[in-house]
């Protein structure tokens, strides 16, 4: 492998700022690691463990990891082994196959552990206890989050929408009491104005171009009732400098978590009672959940190989070596990912 690729292996935790830090009132989007607030809660210390009642036992963790796409299996590297979204207007860069759904389920357990529940917003937690409360998950994939919430709070009415018709059809076959609809938040969701009491959207950063983020937020607000709540989950995708460049050049916001307040400010006329919970979650260290999150991050990067190795100007083999080297370095460097849950109320 050439020296250029070797230099690209350097983790972003050592990268220098790309631009000066923006004003603290978020008048402009964050574009470098140094802009991230120093006041965020830090979950990176080994003493800072997930809530004990939310942790998985070792057997459950092994079972989740066993379901993941195996990078050591040569057959898994065949391009036709991964299925991607074919929607013309979609910018989503990850697959929509079974392996990806397994990864999302693993990720769900990590987020549940660190954020101590499937819902962060306190007001939404009370709403879903009320019979008839309407809940929407945007970008629901196979609906795992919805099924988990419905199991804990069965009295509410649940709806899911996604750009994958195959996943929607698969969910409908389960007859689980949840309503499923094809929909794209970057266009128009298939719902009337003021329909839902609580709208949830998690980790769409890899399918949400920077210039469309605020418009997508307006669409979420449109389908939410006045006085209803919206919860957004995003992460800063800066696992390695070279990967940052590839995603940034595609128009994606690699600092989506940090920039959530910036986007809500752009639609501030409709927003009030905003709350943020921020964590820096360990990658491959600190706890079993940290190890699991490292596996999730690696699987995410492997899922982007088909197009990202071309965007980076390297071969598939070089890309795989880059990912494996990053994965090996995370624990020793105490690397982490910045995750934010932002919730706000739609003005009455």
Protein backbone atom coordinates (compact mmCIF):
# COMPACT_ATOMS: atom_id res chain seq x y z
CA UNK A 1 0.00 0.00 0.00
CA UNK A 2 1.31 3.43 -0.91
CA UNK A 3 2.37 6.14 1.51
CA UNK A 4 -0.66 8.26 0.63
CA UNK A 5 -3.01 5.58 1.90
CA UNK A 6 -0.88 5.17 5.03
CA UNK A 7 -1.29 8.86 5.81
CA UNK A 8 -5.05 8.51 5.34
CA UNK A 9 -5.23 6.02 8.19
CA UNK A 10 -4.73 8.74 10.78
CA UNK A 11 -7.76 9.03 13.04
CA UNK A 12 -9.72 12.26 13.08
CA UNK A 13 -9.12 12.52 16.83
CA UNK A 14 -5.69 13.79 15.75
CA UNK A 15 -6.88 15.89 12.81
CA UNK A 16 -6.49 19.67 12.82
CA UNK A 17 -9.44 22.04 12.39
CA UNK A 18 -10.59 22.50 8.83
CA UNK A 19 -12.03 25.94 9.50
CA UNK A 20 -12.10 28.38 12.44
CA UNK A 21 -14.72 27.60 15.06
CA UNK A 22 -18.12 29.19 14.33
CA UNK A 23 -19.88 31.52 16.79
CA UNK A 24 -21.33 29.77 19.80
CA UNK A 25 -24.88 30.77 18.83
CA UNK A 26 -24.72 28.37 15.87
CA UNK A 27 -25.15 30.98 13.15
CA UNK A 28 -23.09 28.70 10.90
CA UNK A 29 -22.65 24.92 10.79
CA UNK A 30 -19.78 23.18 12.54
CA UNK A 31 -17.11 21.84 10.20
CA UNK A 32 -14.33 20.64 12.51
CA UNK A 33 -13.86 18.49 15.60
CA UNK A 34 -12.62 21.41 17.69
CA UNK A 35 -16.01 23.14 17.29
CA UNK A 36 -17.79 20.47 19.35
CA UNK A 37 -19.04 21.78 22.70
CA UNK A 38 -16.79 20.96 25.63
CA UNK A 39 -19.87 20.85 27.87
CA UNK A 40 -21.24 17.60 26.47
CA UNK A 41 -21.64 14.68 28.83
CA UNK A 42 -18.74 12.29 28.34
CA UNK A 43 -19.37 8.55 28.37
CA UNK A 44 -15.81 7.70 27.39
CA UNK A 45 -14.44 7.02 30.88
CA UNK A 46 -14.40 3.32 31.85
CA UNK A 47 -16.11 4.44 35.07
CA UNK A 48 -18.99 5.84 33.04
CA UNK A 49 -20.98 2.71 32.24
CA UNK A 50 -24.43 2.28 30.68
CA UNK A 51 -27.37 1.84 33.01
CA UNK A 52 -27.13 -1.68 34.48
CA UNK A 53 -30.76 -2.54 33.80
CA UNK A 54 -30.27 -1.75 30.10
CA UNK A 55 -27.06 -3.73 29.53
CA UNK A 56 -26.97 -6.98 27.57
CA UNK A 57 -25.40 -10.09 29.01
CA UNK A 58 -22.34 -11.62 27.27
CA UNK A 59 -24.41 -14.27 25.49
CA UNK A 60 -26.71 -11.62 24.01
CA UNK A 61 -23.72 -9.58 22.84
CA UNK A 62 -22.11 -12.64 21.23
CA UNK A 63 -25.38 -13.42 19.45
CA UNK A 64 -25.61 -9.88 18.07
CA UNK A 65 -22.02 -9.89 16.86
CA UNK A 66 -22.46 -13.31 15.24
CA UNK A 67 -25.23 -11.88 13.06
CA UNK A 68 -22.99 -9.16 11.67
CA UNK A 69 -21.56 -9.15 8.17
CA UNK A 70 -18.24 -11.00 8.41
CA UNK A 71 -15.35 -9.07 6.79
CA UNK A 72 -13.13 -12.16 7.09
CA UNK A 73 -15.42 -14.20 4.85
CA UNK A 74 -14.24 -13.72 1.23
CA UNK A 75 -17.76 -14.31 -0.10
CA UNK A 76 -18.98 -11.29 1.84
CA UNK A 77 -16.74 -9.01 -0.20
CA UNK A 78 -18.49 -9.71 -3.49
CA UNK A 79 -20.22 -6.49 -4.66
CA UNK A 80 -23.46 -8.31 -5.41
CA UNK A 81 -23.62 -9.54 -1.81
CA UNK A 82 -24.86 -6.11 -0.66
CA UNK A 83 -28.14 -4.55 -1.77
CA UNK A 84 -28.49 -0.77 -1.87
CA UNK A 85 -31.42 1.61 -2.14
CA UNK A 86 -32.37 2.13 -5.77
CA UNK A 87 -34.59 5.18 -5.21
CA UNK A 88 -33.55 7.85 -7.77
CA UNK A 89 -33.83 10.78 -5.33
CA UNK A 90 -32.15 9.03 -2.40
CA UNK A 91 -28.69 9.99 -1.18
CA UNK A 92 -28.56 7.17 1.37
CA UNK A 93 -25.15 5.53 1.23
CA UNK A 94 -25.70 2.36 3.27
CA UNK A 95 -27.20 -0.98 2.13
CA UNK A 96 -30.78 -2.06 2.82
CA UNK A 97 -30.11 -5.79 3.09
CA UNK A 98 -30.44 -8.26 5.97
CA UNK A 99 -26.90 -7.60 7.19
CA UNK A 100 -27.65 -3.89 7.48
CA UNK A 101 -30.85 -4.56 9.42
CA UNK A 102 -28.89 -6.77 11.82
CA UNK A 103 -26.40 -3.94 12.29
CA UNK A 104 -29.18 -1.47 13.05
CA UNK A 105 -30.60 -3.80 15.68
CA UNK A 106 -27.18 -4.06 17.34
CA UNK A 107 -26.87 -0.27 17.22
CA UNK A 108 -30.31 0.07 18.80
CA UNK A 109 -29.23 -1.85 21.91
CA UNK A 110 -26.15 0.36 22.28
CA UNK A 111 -28.21 3.56 22.07
CA UNK A 112 -30.78 2.16 24.49
CA UNK A 113 -28.04 1.37 27.01
CA UNK A 114 -26.24 4.71 26.90
CA UNK A 115 -29.33 6.92 26.61
CA UNK A 116 -31.22 4.77 29.13
CA UNK A 117 -34.25 3.96 27.04
CA UNK A 118 -35.69 3.90 23.54
CA UNK A 119 -37.11 7.42 23.97
CA UNK A 120 -35.03 10.26 25.42
CA UNK A 121 -37.62 13.07 25.42
CA UNK A 122 -39.35 13.06 28.87
CA UNK A 123 -42.55 14.56 27.48
CA UNK A 124 -42.75 11.94 24.74
CA UNK A 125 -42.31 9.19 27.32
CA UNK A 126 -45.48 10.43 28.99
CA UNK A 127 -47.35 10.86 25.71
CA UNK A 128 -46.86 7.24 24.61
CA UNK A 129 -48.57 6.07 27.81
CA UNK A 130 -51.82 7.71 26.66
CA UNK A 131 -54.21 5.62 24.54
CA UNK A 132 -54.47 6.90 20.97
CA UNK A 133 -51.23 8.91 20.96
CA UNK A 134 -49.93 8.86 17.38
CA UNK A 135 -46.23 8.05 16.96
CA UNK A 136 -44.24 8.20 13.70
CA UNK A 137 -40.75 6.82 13.06
CA UNK A 138 -39.17 8.39 9.95
CA UNK A 139 -36.55 6.21 8.26
CA UNK A 140 -37.86 3.22 10.19
CA UNK A 141 -35.97 0.54 8.18
CA UNK A 142 -37.29 -2.82 9.40
CA UNK A 143 -39.18 -1.14 12.25
CA UNK A 144 -37.11 -2.46 15.14
CA UNK A 145 -37.29 0.78 17.15
CA UNK A 146 -41.06 0.94 16.71
CA UNK A 147 -41.57 -2.65 17.83
CA UNK A 148 -39.43 -2.10 20.92
CA UNK A 149 -41.34 1.05 21.90
CA UNK A 150 -44.71 -0.59 21.19
CA UNK A 151 -43.79 -3.51 23.42
CA UNK A 152 -43.08 -1.16 26.32
CA UNK A 153 -45.91 1.30 25.60
CA UNK A 154 -48.70 -0.67 23.87
CA UNK A 155 -51.48 1.93 24.19
CA UNK A 156 -50.18 4.35 21.55
CA UNK A 157 -50.78 4.14 17.79
CA UNK A 158 -47.59 3.49 15.81
CA UNK A 159 -46.62 4.36 12.23
CA UNK A 160 -43.39 3.82 10.30
CA UNK A 161 -42.17 5.20 6.98
CA UNK A 162 -39.06 4.42 4.93
CA UNK A 163 -37.64 4.80 1.41
CA UNK A 164 -37.29 1.02 1.05
CA UNK A 165 -40.50 -0.48 -0.31
CA UNK A 166 -39.07 -3.96 0.31
CA UNK A 167 -38.64 -3.26 4.03
CA UNK A 168 -42.10 -1.72 4.25
CA UNK A 169 -43.65 -4.77 2.57
CA UNK A 170 -41.72 -7.09 4.87
CA UNK A 171 -42.93 -5.19 7.94
CA UNK A 172 -46.55 -5.28 6.77
CA UNK A 173 -46.40 -9.07 6.58
CA UNK A 174 -45.72 -9.26 10.32
CA UNK A 175 -49.23 -8.00 11.19
CA UNK A 176 -47.86 -6.43 14.37
CA UNK A 177 -50.42 -3.67 14.75
CA UNK A 178 -48.11 -1.01 13.30
CA UNK A 179 -49.02 0.93 10.15
CA UNK A 180 -46.28 1.05 7.49
CA UNK A 181 -46.00 3.44 4.54
CA UNK A 182 -43.41 4.18 1.87
CA UNK A 183 -42.16 7.74 2.27
CA UNK A 184 -39.20 10.04 1.70
CA UNK A 185 -38.65 12.91 4.14
CA UNK A 186 -36.58 14.70 1.49
CA UNK A 187 -39.77 15.03 -0.56
CA UNK A 188 -43.26 14.81 0.99
CA UNK A 189 -44.21 12.32 3.67
CA UNK A 190 -47.50 10.46 3.01
CA UNK A 191 -49.37 12.09 5.89
CA UNK A 192 -51.67 15.05 6.40
CA UNK A 193 -50.58 18.15 8.29
CA UNK A 194 -50.75 17.98 12.10
CA UNK A 195 -51.14 14.19 12.30
CA UNK A 196 -48.71 12.96 14.96
CA UNK A 197 -48.12 13.65 18.65
CA UNK A 198 -44.54 12.35 18.58
CA UNK A 199 -42.17 12.05 15.61
CA UNK A 200 -38.86 10.19 15.89
CA UNK A 201 -35.94 10.18 13.45
CA UNK A 202 -32.62 8.46 14.07
CA UNK A 203 -29.28 8.48 12.22
CA UNK A 204 -30.26 9.68 8.76
CA UNK A 205 -27.01 11.65 8.44
CA UNK A 206 -25.77 9.21 5.77
CA UNK A 207 -28.81 9.92 3.63
CA UNK A 208 -29.37 13.60 4.35
CA UNK A 209 -27.40 16.14 2.27
CA UNK A 210 -26.35 19.24 4.20
CA UNK A 211 -28.41 21.59 2.05
CA UNK A 212 -31.59 19.52 2.54
CA UNK A 213 -31.43 19.02 6.31
CA UNK A 214 -33.47 22.10 7.24
CA UNK A 215 -36.13 21.32 4.62
CA UNK A 216 -36.45 17.78 5.95
CA UNK A 217 -36.90 19.24 9.42
CA UNK A 218 -39.73 21.41 8.11
CA UNK A 219 -41.40 18.26 6.77
CA UNK A 220 -41.21 16.63 10.19
CA UNK A 221 -42.76 19.74 11.71
CA UNK A 222 -45.53 19.74 9.09
CA UNK A 223 -46.81 16.28 10.07
CA UNK A 224 -46.52 16.96 13.82
CA UNK A 225 -49.45 18.38 15.74
CA UNK A 226 -49.06 21.81 17.36
CA UNK A 227 -47.78 21.04 20.84
CA UNK A 228 -46.38 17.69 19.68
CA UNK A 229 -42.76 16.61 20.10
CA UNK A 230 -39.98 15.70 17.68
CA UNK A 231 -36.86 13.74 18.63
CA UNK A 232 -33.74 13.64 16.44
CA UNK A 233 -30.77 11.32 16.95
CA UNK A 234 -27.56 11.97 15.03
CA UNK A 235 -23.85 11.22 15.25
CA UNK A 236 -20.74 13.00 14.03
CA UNK A 237 -19.29 10.71 11.36
CA UNK A 238 -15.59 11.46 11.79
CA UNK A 239 -14.17 8.00 12.39
CA UNK A 240 -11.19 8.58 10.10
CA UNK A 241 -9.97 11.60 8.18
CA UNK A 242 -10.04 9.92 4.78
CA UNK A 243 -13.62 8.74 5.31
CA UNK A 244 -14.62 12.25 6.38
CA UNK A 245 -13.35 13.60 3.07
CA UNK A 246 -15.31 11.06 1.03
CA UNK A 247 -18.58 11.73 2.86
CA UNK A 248 -18.09 15.50 2.95
CA UNK A 249 -17.46 15.59 -0.79
CA UNK A 250 -20.72 13.71 -1.34
CA UNK A 251 -22.55 16.59 0.35
CA UNK A 252 -23.24 14.88 3.67
CA UNK A 253 -22.89 16.61 7.04
CA UNK A 254 -20.27 14.68 8.98
CA UNK A 255 -21.01 16.87 12.02
CA UNK A 256 -24.77 16.36 11.98
CA UNK A 257 -24.96 15.75 15.74
CA UNK A 258 -23.13 18.96 16.58
CA UNK A 259 -25.11 20.89 13.98
CA UNK A 260 -28.61 19.86 15.08
CA UNK A 261 -29.14 23.17 16.96
CA UNK A 262 -28.01 25.04 13.85
CA UNK A 263 -30.67 23.31 11.75
CA UNK A 264 -33.44 23.82 14.30
CA UNK A 265 -32.51 27.50 14.49
CA UNK A 266 -33.18 27.77 10.75
CA UNK A 267 -36.79 26.74 11.42
CA UNK A 268 -36.98 28.42 14.84
CA UNK A 269 -40.34 30.04 14.11
CA UNK A 270 -41.91 26.60 14.66
CA UNK A 271 -39.69 25.37 17.52
CA UNK A 272 -39.78 25.79 21.30
CA UNK A 273 -38.71 23.98 24.49
CA UNK A 274 -35.62 22.51 22.85
CA UNK A 275 -33.56 20.04 24.89
CA UNK A 276 -30.30 18.28 24.04
CA UNK A 277 -28.61 15.24 25.51
CA UNK A 278 -25.07 14.68 24.22
CA UNK A 279 -22.73 11.75 24.84
CA UNK A 280 -19.30 10.80 23.59
CA UNK A 281 -19.68 7.04 23.25
CA UNK A 282 -16.59 4.79 23.35
CA UNK A 283 -15.57 2.85 20.25
CA UNK A 284 -14.37 -0.65 21.20
CA UNK A 285 -13.51 0.14 24.84
CA UNK A 286 -14.93 1.13 28.24
CA UNK A 287 -17.64 -1.56 28.49
CA UNK A 288 -19.29 -4.36 26.55
CA UNK A 289 -21.53 -1.73 25.00
CA UNK A 290 -18.47 0.20 23.86
CA UNK A 291 -17.09 -2.93 22.23
CA UNK A 292 -20.42 -3.49 20.53
CA UNK A 293 -20.51 0.10 19.30
CA UNK A 294 -17.05 -0.35 17.78
CA UNK A 295 -18.36 -3.35 15.86
CA UNK A 296 -21.31 -1.26 14.71
CA UNK A 297 -19.04 1.55 13.48
CA UNK A 298 -16.83 -0.89 11.58
CA UNK A 299 -19.86 -2.53 9.96
CA UNK A 300 -21.13 0.93 8.95
CA UNK A 301 -17.88 1.78 7.19
CA UNK A 302 -17.71 -1.62 5.51
CA UNK A 303 -21.24 -1.08 4.23
CA UNK A 304 -20.08 2.02 2.35
CA UNK A 305 -17.18 0.30 0.60
CA UNK A 306 -18.83 -0.13 -2.78
CA UNK A 307 -18.85 3.61 -3.56
CA UNK A 308 -16.53 5.13 -0.96
CA UNK A 309 -13.34 3.38 -2.05
CA UNK A 310 -13.87 4.93 -5.49
CA UNK A 311 -14.53 8.37 -4.02
CA UNK A 312 -11.31 8.08 -2.01
CA UNK A 313 -9.31 6.98 -5.05
CA UNK A 314 -8.13 3.71 -3.51
CA UNK A 315 -8.71 0.04 -4.27
CA UNK A 316 -11.12 -2.21 -2.37
CA UNK A 317 -8.20 -3.96 -0.70
CA UNK A 318 -6.74 -0.64 0.43
CA UNK A 319 -10.13 0.46 1.74
CA UNK A 320 -10.55 -2.76 3.75
CA UNK A 321 -7.07 -2.40 5.20
CA UNK A 322 -7.86 1.19 6.17
CA UNK A 323 -11.04 0.12 7.99
CA UNK A 324 -9.33 -2.74 9.79
CA UNK A 325 -6.49 -0.46 10.91
CA UNK A 326 -8.95 2.14 12.20
CA UNK A 327 -10.85 -0.56 14.06
CA UNK A 328 -7.63 -1.84 15.65
CA UNK A 329 -6.62 1.67 16.79
CA UNK A 330 -9.88 2.77 18.40
CA UNK A 331 -9.47 0.95 21.73
CA UNK A 332 -5.84 1.95 22.23
CA UNK A 333 -6.55 5.58 21.38
CA UNK A 334 -9.76 5.70 23.46
CA UNK A 335 -11.65 6.89 20.40
CA UNK A 336 -15.30 7.86 20.72
CA UNK A 337 -18.22 9.05 18.63
CA UNK A 338 -20.22 12.15 19.48
CA UNK A 339 -23.96 11.30 19.60
CA UNK A 340 -26.73 13.81 20.24
CA UNK A 341 -30.41 13.38 20.99
CA UNK A 342 -32.25 16.64 20.40
CA UNK A 343 -35.95 17.03 21.09
CA UNK A 344 -38.23 20.01 20.76
CA UNK A 345 -41.89 20.94 20.80
CA UNK A 346 -43.74 22.21 17.76
CA UNK A 347 -45.25 25.57 18.66
CA UNK A 348 -48.92 25.54 19.50
